[in-house]
């Protein structure tokens, strides 16, 4: 199973979500991340994301930002977006209902993961905790769906 995490620039939220979820899944799952803009393409995650993840023994240092593209619908089984704008941007590239069905917000009840980019380390910590809790549930559900 292949899972893609998507945020705006692919330097804060989606790299954290990628690292957290990958740490909770067996190796036969592939987790990647992308952004809806190419502004940071080829760059490492924000140093605050790297530092926050490192506190929990998750290494994001090898990740590189890349933009989401239509081919991601063919490569990934599930695509999780951090906020409604990301969701709208991703869905705008979908060619059919099958592709649209792969896409959802990562949080339940139409809630969004706040973008910590303009915030403090405390904001990155809050995002980490929110994603960690969500990824724990996701990992359980994904493993169960594979075992069916």
C-alpha atoms as a PDB file:
ATOM      1  CA  UNK A   1       0.000   0.000   0.000  1.00  0.00           C
ATOM      2  CA  UNK A   2       1.242   3.475  -0.897  1.00  0.00           C
ATOM      3  CA  UNK A   3       0.134   6.580   1.004  1.00  0.00           C
ATOM      4  CA  UNK A   4       0.798  10.218   0.113  1.00  0.00           C
ATOM      5  CA  UNK A   5       0.621  13.147   2.537  1.00  0.00           C
ATOM      6  CA  UNK A   6      -0.014  16.594   1.025  1.00  0.00           C
ATOM      7  CA  UNK A   7       0.311  20.132   2.352  1.00  0.00           C
ATOM      8  CA  UNK A   8       1.098  23.479   0.735  1.00  0.00           C
ATOM      9  CA  UNK A   9       4.883  23.586   0.418  1.00  0.00           C
ATOM     10  CA  UNK A  10       5.854  20.079   1.538  1.00  0.00           C
ATOM     11  CA  UNK A  11       8.242  21.416   4.168  1.00  0.00           C
ATOM     12  CA  UNK A  12       6.262  21.445   7.444  1.00  0.00           C
ATOM     13  CA  UNK A  13       3.106  19.372   7.894  1.00  0.00           C
ATOM     14  CA  UNK A  14       3.316  16.692   5.205  1.00  0.00           C
ATOM     15  CA  UNK A  15       6.955  15.781   5.976  1.00  0.00           C
ATOM     16  CA  UNK A  16       5.966  15.349   9.635  1.00  0.00           C
ATOM     17  CA  UNK A  17       2.930  13.263   8.647  1.00  0.00           C
ATOM     18  CA  UNK A  18       5.086  11.153   6.320  1.00  0.00           C
ATOM     19  CA  UNK A  19       7.692  10.458   8.990  1.00  0.00           C
ATOM     20  CA  UNK A  20       5.192   9.798  11.762  1.00  0.00           C
ATOM     21  CA  UNK A  21       3.003   7.439   9.737  1.00  0.00           C
ATOM     22  CA  UNK A  22       5.976   5.559   8.284  1.00  0.00           C
ATOM     23  CA  UNK A  23       7.286   4.995  11.829  1.00  0.00           C
ATOM     24  CA  UNK A  24       3.982   3.314  12.765  1.00  0.00           C
ATOM     25  CA  UNK A  25       3.680   1.021   9.733  1.00  0.00           C
ATOM     26  CA  UNK A  26       5.552  -2.096   8.608  1.00  0.00           C
ATOM     27  CA  UNK A  27       8.076  -1.800   5.780  1.00  0.00           C
ATOM     28  CA  UNK A  28       5.656  -3.097   3.138  1.00  0.00           C
ATOM     29  CA  UNK A  29       3.824   0.249   3.359  1.00  0.00           C
ATOM     30  CA  UNK A  30       5.248   3.204   1.435  1.00  0.00           C
ATOM     31  CA  UNK A  31       4.604   6.705   2.740  1.00  0.00           C
ATOM     32  CA  UNK A  32       5.624   9.820   0.820  1.00  0.00           C
ATOM     33  CA  UNK A  33       4.703  13.501   0.806  1.00  0.00           C
ATOM     34  CA  UNK A  34       4.196  16.342  -1.635  1.00  0.00           C
ATOM     35  CA  UNK A  35       3.081  19.953  -1.763  1.00  0.00           C
ATOM     36  CA  UNK A  36       0.462  21.719  -3.829  1.00  0.00           C
ATOM     37  CA  UNK A  37       3.045  24.341  -4.822  1.00  0.00           C
ATOM     38  CA  UNK A  38       6.556  23.860  -6.207  1.00  0.00           C
ATOM     39  CA  UNK A  39       8.100  26.818  -4.364  1.00  0.00           C
ATOM     40  CA  UNK A  40      10.323  24.620  -2.170  1.00  0.00           C
ATOM     41  CA  UNK A  41      11.002  21.847  -4.689  1.00  0.00           C
ATOM     42  CA  UNK A  42      14.171  19.919  -3.845  1.00  0.00           C
ATOM     43  CA  UNK A  43      14.549  21.527  -0.423  1.00  0.00           C
ATOM     44  CA  UNK A  44      14.671  19.713   2.903  1.00  0.00           C
ATOM     45  CA  UNK A  45      11.838  20.068   5.401  1.00  0.00           C
ATOM     46  CA  UNK A  46      11.779  23.173   7.578  1.00  0.00           C
ATOM     47  CA  UNK A  47      14.419  22.908  10.302  1.00  0.00           C
ATOM     48  CA  UNK A  48      11.668  23.156  12.928  1.00  0.00           C
ATOM     49  CA  UNK A  49       9.899  20.090  11.500  1.00  0.00           C
ATOM     50  CA  UNK A  50      13.196  18.192  11.447  1.00  0.00           C
ATOM     51  CA  UNK A  51      13.965  19.230  15.037  1.00  0.00           C
ATOM     52  CA  UNK A  52      10.495  18.391  16.329  1.00  0.00           C
ATOM     53  CA  UNK A  53      10.498  14.945  14.694  1.00  0.00           C
ATOM     54  CA  UNK A  54      14.005  14.241  15.958  1.00  0.00           C
ATOM     55  CA  UNK A  55      12.763  14.644  19.551  1.00  0.00           C
ATOM     56  CA  UNK A  56      10.628  11.559  18.873  1.00  0.00           C
ATOM     57  CA  UNK A  57      13.406   9.656  17.080  1.00  0.00           C
ATOM     58  CA  UNK A  58      11.968  10.266  13.606  1.00  0.00           C
ATOM     59  CA  UNK A  59      14.468  11.350  10.975  1.00  0.00           C
ATOM     60  CA  UNK A  60      13.144  13.656   8.238  1.00  0.00           C
ATOM     61  CA  UNK A  61      16.558  14.793   7.002  1.00  0.00           C
ATOM     62  CA  UNK A  62      16.516  12.697   3.795  1.00  0.00           C
ATOM     63  CA  UNK A  63      13.148  14.044   2.638  1.00  0.00           C
ATOM     64  CA  UNK A  64      13.007  16.547  -0.228  1.00  0.00           C
ATOM     65  CA  UNK A  65      10.064  18.727  -1.172  1.00  0.00           C
ATOM     66  CA  UNK A  66       8.272  17.970  -4.411  1.00  0.00           C
ATOM     67  CA  UNK A  67       5.066  19.187  -5.992  1.00  0.00           C
ATOM     68  CA  UNK A  68       1.959  17.026  -6.258  1.00  0.00           C
ATOM     69  CA  UNK A  69       1.191  15.931  -9.807  1.00  0.00           C
ATOM     70  CA  UNK A  70      -1.610  14.094 -11.610  1.00  0.00           C
ATOM     71  CA  UNK A  71       0.571  10.969 -11.813  1.00  0.00           C
ATOM     72  CA  UNK A  72       0.351  10.683  -8.023  1.00  0.00           C
ATOM     73  CA  UNK A  73      -3.249   9.498  -8.451  1.00  0.00           C
ATOM     74  CA  UNK A  74      -1.925   6.476 -10.333  1.00  0.00           C
ATOM     75  CA  UNK A  75       0.933   5.753  -7.914  1.00  0.00           C
ATOM     76  CA  UNK A  76      -0.790   6.104  -4.537  1.00  0.00           C
ATOM     77  CA  UNK A  77      -3.658   4.193  -2.953  1.00  0.00           C
ATOM     78  CA  UNK A  78      -4.556   6.903  -0.436  1.00  0.00           C
ATOM     79  CA  UNK A  79      -3.874  10.650  -0.463  1.00  0.00           C
ATOM     80  CA  UNK A  80      -4.299  12.623   2.750  1.00  0.00           C
ATOM     81  CA  UNK A  81      -4.446  16.428   2.671  1.00  0.00           C
ATOM     82  CA  UNK A  82      -3.679  18.689   5.619  1.00  0.00           C
ATOM     83  CA  UNK A  83      -6.305  21.366   4.935  1.00  0.00           C
ATOM     84  CA  UNK A  84      -9.299  22.172   2.724  1.00  0.00           C
ATOM     85  CA  UNK A  85      -7.263  24.297   0.310  1.00  0.00           C
ATOM     86  CA  UNK A  86      -4.828  21.400  -0.246  1.00  0.00           C
ATOM     87  CA  UNK A  87      -7.810  19.103  -0.732  1.00  0.00           C
ATOM     88  CA  UNK A  88      -9.378  21.431  -3.302  1.00  0.00           C
ATOM     89  CA  UNK A  89      -6.081  21.797  -5.188  1.00  0.00           C
ATOM     90  CA  UNK A  90      -5.474  18.039  -5.292  1.00  0.00           C
ATOM     91  CA  UNK A  91      -9.037  17.238  -6.329  1.00  0.00           C
ATOM     92  CA  UNK A  92      -8.813  19.788  -9.149  1.00  0.00           C
ATOM     93  CA  UNK A  93      -6.230  17.507 -10.824  1.00  0.00           C
ATOM     94  CA  UNK A  94      -8.318  14.336 -10.519  1.00  0.00           C
ATOM     95  CA  UNK A  95      -9.516  12.885 -13.816  1.00  0.00           C
ATOM     96  CA  UNK A  96     -12.317  10.684 -12.476  1.00  0.00           C
ATOM     97  CA  UNK A  97     -14.288   9.557  -9.430  1.00  0.00           C
ATOM     98  CA  UNK A  98     -11.918   6.667  -8.732  1.00  0.00           C
ATOM     99  CA  UNK A  99      -9.073   9.151  -8.278  1.00  0.00           C
ATOM    100  CA  UNK A 100     -11.235  11.508  -6.200  1.00  0.00           C
ATOM    101  CA  UNK A 101     -12.162   8.628  -3.864  1.00  0.00           C
ATOM    102  CA  UNK A 102      -8.495   8.207  -2.889  1.00  0.00           C
ATOM    103  CA  UNK A 103      -8.343  11.759  -1.488  1.00  0.00           C
ATOM    104  CA  UNK A 104      -9.460  13.024   1.914  1.00  0.00           C
ATOM    105  CA  UNK A 105      -8.476  15.322   4.729  1.00  0.00           C
ATOM    106  CA  UNK A 106      -6.164  13.592   7.181  1.00  0.00           C
ATOM    107  CA  UNK A 107      -8.230  14.728  10.180  1.00  0.00           C
ATOM    108  CA  UNK A 108     -11.764  13.565  10.878  1.00  0.00           C
ATOM    109  CA  UNK A 109     -14.855  15.778  10.921  1.00  0.00           C
ATOM    110  CA  UNK A 110     -13.583  18.092   8.177  1.00  0.00           C
ATOM    111  CA  UNK A 111     -10.948  19.547  10.527  1.00  0.00           C
ATOM    112  CA  UNK A 112      -7.649  20.970   9.295  1.00  0.00           C
ATOM    113  CA  UNK A 113      -4.048  20.616  10.442  1.00  0.00           C
ATOM    114  CA  UNK A 114      -2.907  24.197  11.133  1.00  0.00           C
ATOM    115  CA  UNK A 115       0.103  25.404   9.178  1.00  0.00           C
ATOM    116  CA  UNK A 116       2.893  26.133  11.696  1.00  0.00           C
ATOM    117  CA  UNK A 117       5.211  27.837   9.164  1.00  0.00           C
ATOM    118  CA  UNK A 118       4.782  31.377  10.538  1.00  0.00           C
ATOM    119  CA  UNK A 119       4.588  30.173  14.132  1.00  0.00           C
ATOM    120  CA  UNK A 120       6.901  29.095  16.915  1.00  0.00           C
ATOM    121  CA  UNK A 121       8.434  25.764  17.910  1.00  0.00           C
ATOM    122  CA  UNK A 122       5.390  25.314  20.154  1.00  0.00           C
ATOM    123  CA  UNK A 123       3.199  25.410  17.032  1.00  0.00           C
ATOM    124  CA  UNK A 124       5.315  22.682  15.416  1.00  0.00           C
ATOM    125  CA  UNK A 125       4.983  20.624  18.601  1.00  0.00           C
ATOM    126  CA  UNK A 126       1.181  21.005  18.540  1.00  0.00           C
ATOM    127  CA  UNK A 127       1.093  19.908  14.890  1.00  0.00           C
ATOM    128  CA  UNK A 128       3.322  16.941  15.714  1.00  0.00           C
ATOM    129  CA  UNK A 129       1.023  15.828  18.543  1.00  0.00           C
ATOM    130  CA  UNK A 130      -2.085  16.233  16.378  1.00  0.00           C
ATOM    131  CA  UNK A 131      -0.524  14.236  13.539  1.00  0.00           C
ATOM    132  CA  UNK A 132       0.864  11.599  15.883  1.00  0.00           C
ATOM    133  CA  UNK A 133      -2.579  10.898  17.333  1.00  0.00           C
ATOM    134  CA  UNK A 134      -4.164  10.835  13.877  1.00  0.00           C
ATOM    135  CA  UNK A 135      -1.422   8.666  12.362  1.00  0.00           C
ATOM    136  CA  UNK A 136      -1.815   6.146  15.178  1.00  0.00           C
ATOM    137  CA  UNK A 137      -5.463   5.654  14.167  1.00  0.00           C
ATOM    138  CA  UNK A 138      -4.590   5.672  10.461  1.00  0.00           C
ATOM    139  CA  UNK A 139      -1.898   3.040  10.930  1.00  0.00           C
ATOM    140  CA  UNK A 140      -4.303   0.763  12.778  1.00  0.00           C
ATOM    141  CA  UNK A 141      -6.972   1.175  10.074  1.00  0.00           C
ATOM    142  CA  UNK A 142      -4.503   0.706   7.208  1.00  0.00           C
ATOM    143  CA  UNK A 143      -3.038  -2.474   8.716  1.00  0.00           C
ATOM    144  CA  UNK A 144      -6.548  -3.843   9.282  1.00  0.00           C
ATOM    145  CA  UNK A 145      -7.585  -3.071   5.687  1.00  0.00           C
ATOM    146  CA  UNK A 146      -4.564  -4.990   4.352  1.00  0.00           C
ATOM    147  CA  UNK A 147      -5.328  -8.001   6.558  1.00  0.00           C
ATOM    148  CA  UNK A 148      -8.914  -8.337   5.310  1.00  0.00           C
END
